[in-house]
Amino acid sequence: MKPFKSALPFATWLIRIFFAAYIFIGNIKGVNPINFESLNFYLSLALLILSVLLVVGGFTSGQSITVVSAILIGLILLYRFVIPTPDLISESTFRQMLLISVSFFFVCRGN
């Protein structure tokens, strides 16, 4: 069975939109209420901005916005994954690794 390659642009946009929406919705609570002393506030704010830039990067002709946004999202997610030293086998571990993998996909693929 051959892959349905003509739907690849649509699939890429689906991944981009739902990845950005998941990051955005998951971090909106971290910026409300505003707490300038909390590192979580700044990380959540950065993820909100970067998730918007990931979608905006799809509309530009260059790939730099998408790649830079994906790199920074991946680094922040990796930081959040490593710092609390999670259990190796858990649902949240694999969810975090899935998000890091999608971020890496946009680093490699661009637009």
Protein backbone atom coordinates (compact mmCIF):
# COMPACT_ATOMS: atom_id res chain seq x y z
CA MET A 1 0.00 0.00 0.00
CA LYS A 2 1.42 3.37 -1.02
CA PRO A 3 1.27 6.46 1.18
CA PHE A 4 -1.20 9.22 0.35
CA LYS A 5 1.48 11.82 -0.45
CA SER A 6 -0.87 14.40 -1.92
CA ALA A 7 -2.38 14.93 1.54
CA LEU A 8 1.01 15.63 3.15
CA PRO A 9 0.55 19.45 3.18
CA PHE A 10 -2.84 19.03 4.87
CA ALA A 11 -1.38 16.61 7.40
CA THR A 12 1.48 19.01 8.14
CA TRP A 13 -0.98 21.83 8.77
CA LEU A 14 -3.06 19.60 11.04
CA ILE A 15 0.02 18.73 13.07
CA ARG A 16 1.09 22.39 13.19
CA ILE A 17 -2.31 23.69 14.30
CA PHE A 18 -3.09 21.03 16.89
CA PHE A 19 0.45 21.01 18.29
CA ALA A 20 0.32 24.79 18.71
CA ALA A 21 -3.20 24.61 20.18
CA TYR A 22 -2.16 21.91 22.65
CA ILE A 23 0.88 23.92 23.75
CA PHE A 24 -1.22 27.10 23.97
CA ILE A 25 -4.11 25.59 25.94
CA GLY A 26 -1.78 23.65 28.22
CA ASN A 27 0.17 26.77 29.18
CA ILE A 28 -2.51 29.46 29.36
CA LYS A 29 -3.01 28.61 33.06
CA GLY A 30 0.67 29.29 33.74
CA VAL A 31 0.38 32.97 32.85
CA ASN A 32 -2.81 33.65 34.77
CA PRO A 33 -2.38 35.23 37.31
CA ILE A 34 0.69 37.19 36.33
CA ASN A 35 3.58 36.25 38.61
CA PHE A 36 6.88 37.86 37.66
CA GLU A 37 8.79 35.89 40.32
CA SER A 38 7.87 32.49 38.91
CA LEU A 39 10.00 30.71 36.32
CA ASN A 40 6.90 28.77 35.27
CA PHE A 41 5.24 32.07 34.30
CA TYR A 42 8.07 32.96 31.91
CA LEU A 43 8.26 29.46 30.44
CA SER A 44 4.49 29.38 29.89
CA LEU A 45 4.53 32.86 28.35
CA ALA A 46 7.36 31.85 26.03
CA LEU A 47 5.48 28.71 24.97
CA LEU A 48 2.33 30.76 24.27
CA ILE A 49 4.23 33.18 22.05
CA LEU A 50 6.20 30.42 20.32
CA SER A 51 3.07 28.38 19.60
CA VAL A 52 1.54 31.39 17.84
CA LEU A 53 4.78 31.95 15.92
CA LEU A 54 4.78 28.29 14.85
CA VAL A 55 1.43 28.78 13.11
CA VAL A 56 2.43 32.19 11.72
CA GLY A 57 5.64 30.64 10.36
CA GLY A 58 3.56 28.40 8.12
CA PHE A 59 2.27 31.44 6.24
CA THR A 60 5.72 32.88 5.51
CA SER A 61 7.87 31.96 2.55
CA GLY A 62 10.95 31.41 4.71
CA GLN A 63 11.31 28.60 7.18
CA SER A 64 13.28 30.40 9.87
CA ILE A 65 10.30 31.34 12.09
CA THR A 66 9.04 27.76 12.10
CA VAL A 67 12.46 26.26 12.79
CA VAL A 68 13.43 28.74 15.54
CA SER A 69 10.02 28.41 17.21
CA ALA A 70 10.23 24.62 17.10
CA ILE A 71 13.77 24.61 18.51
CA LEU A 72 12.80 26.85 21.41
CA ILE A 73 9.59 24.93 22.11
CA GLY A 74 11.56 21.69 22.10
CA LEU A 75 14.19 23.08 24.45
CA ILE A 76 11.61 24.40 26.92
CA LEU A 77 9.71 21.11 26.83
CA LEU A 78 12.94 19.19 27.29
CA TYR A 79 13.80 21.40 30.27
CA ARG A 80 10.36 20.77 31.79
CA PHE A 81 10.81 17.05 31.13
CA VAL A 82 14.27 16.68 32.68
CA ILE A 83 14.09 18.99 35.71
CA PRO A 84 11.45 17.20 37.82
CA THR A 85 13.07 13.79 37.10
CA PRO A 86 9.88 12.00 36.08
CA ASP A 87 9.11 8.32 36.28
CA LEU A 88 10.46 6.64 33.18
CA ILE A 89 7.30 4.70 32.38
CA SER A 90 4.24 6.91 32.72
CA GLU A 91 1.61 8.49 30.52
CA SER A 92 2.91 12.00 31.14
CA THR A 93 6.46 10.92 30.17
CA PHE A 94 5.31 9.61 26.82
CA ARG A 95 3.04 12.63 26.24
CA GLN A 96 6.02 14.93 26.83
CA MET A 97 8.22 12.84 24.51
CA LEU A 98 5.52 12.98 21.82
CA LEU A 99 5.46 16.78 22.03
CA ILE A 100 9.25 16.96 21.88
CA SER A 101 9.15 14.66 18.82
CA VAL A 102 6.63 16.89 17.04
CA SER A 103 8.79 19.91 17.82
CA PHE A 104 11.79 18.08 16.37
CA PHE A 105 9.72 17.26 13.27
CA PHE A 106 9.25 20.98 12.60
CA VAL A 107 12.93 21.62 13.25
CA CYS A 108 13.79 19.06 10.56
CA ARG A 109 10.93 19.73 8.12
CA GLY A 110 10.49 23.51 8.35
CA ASN A 111 7.47 24.55 6.31
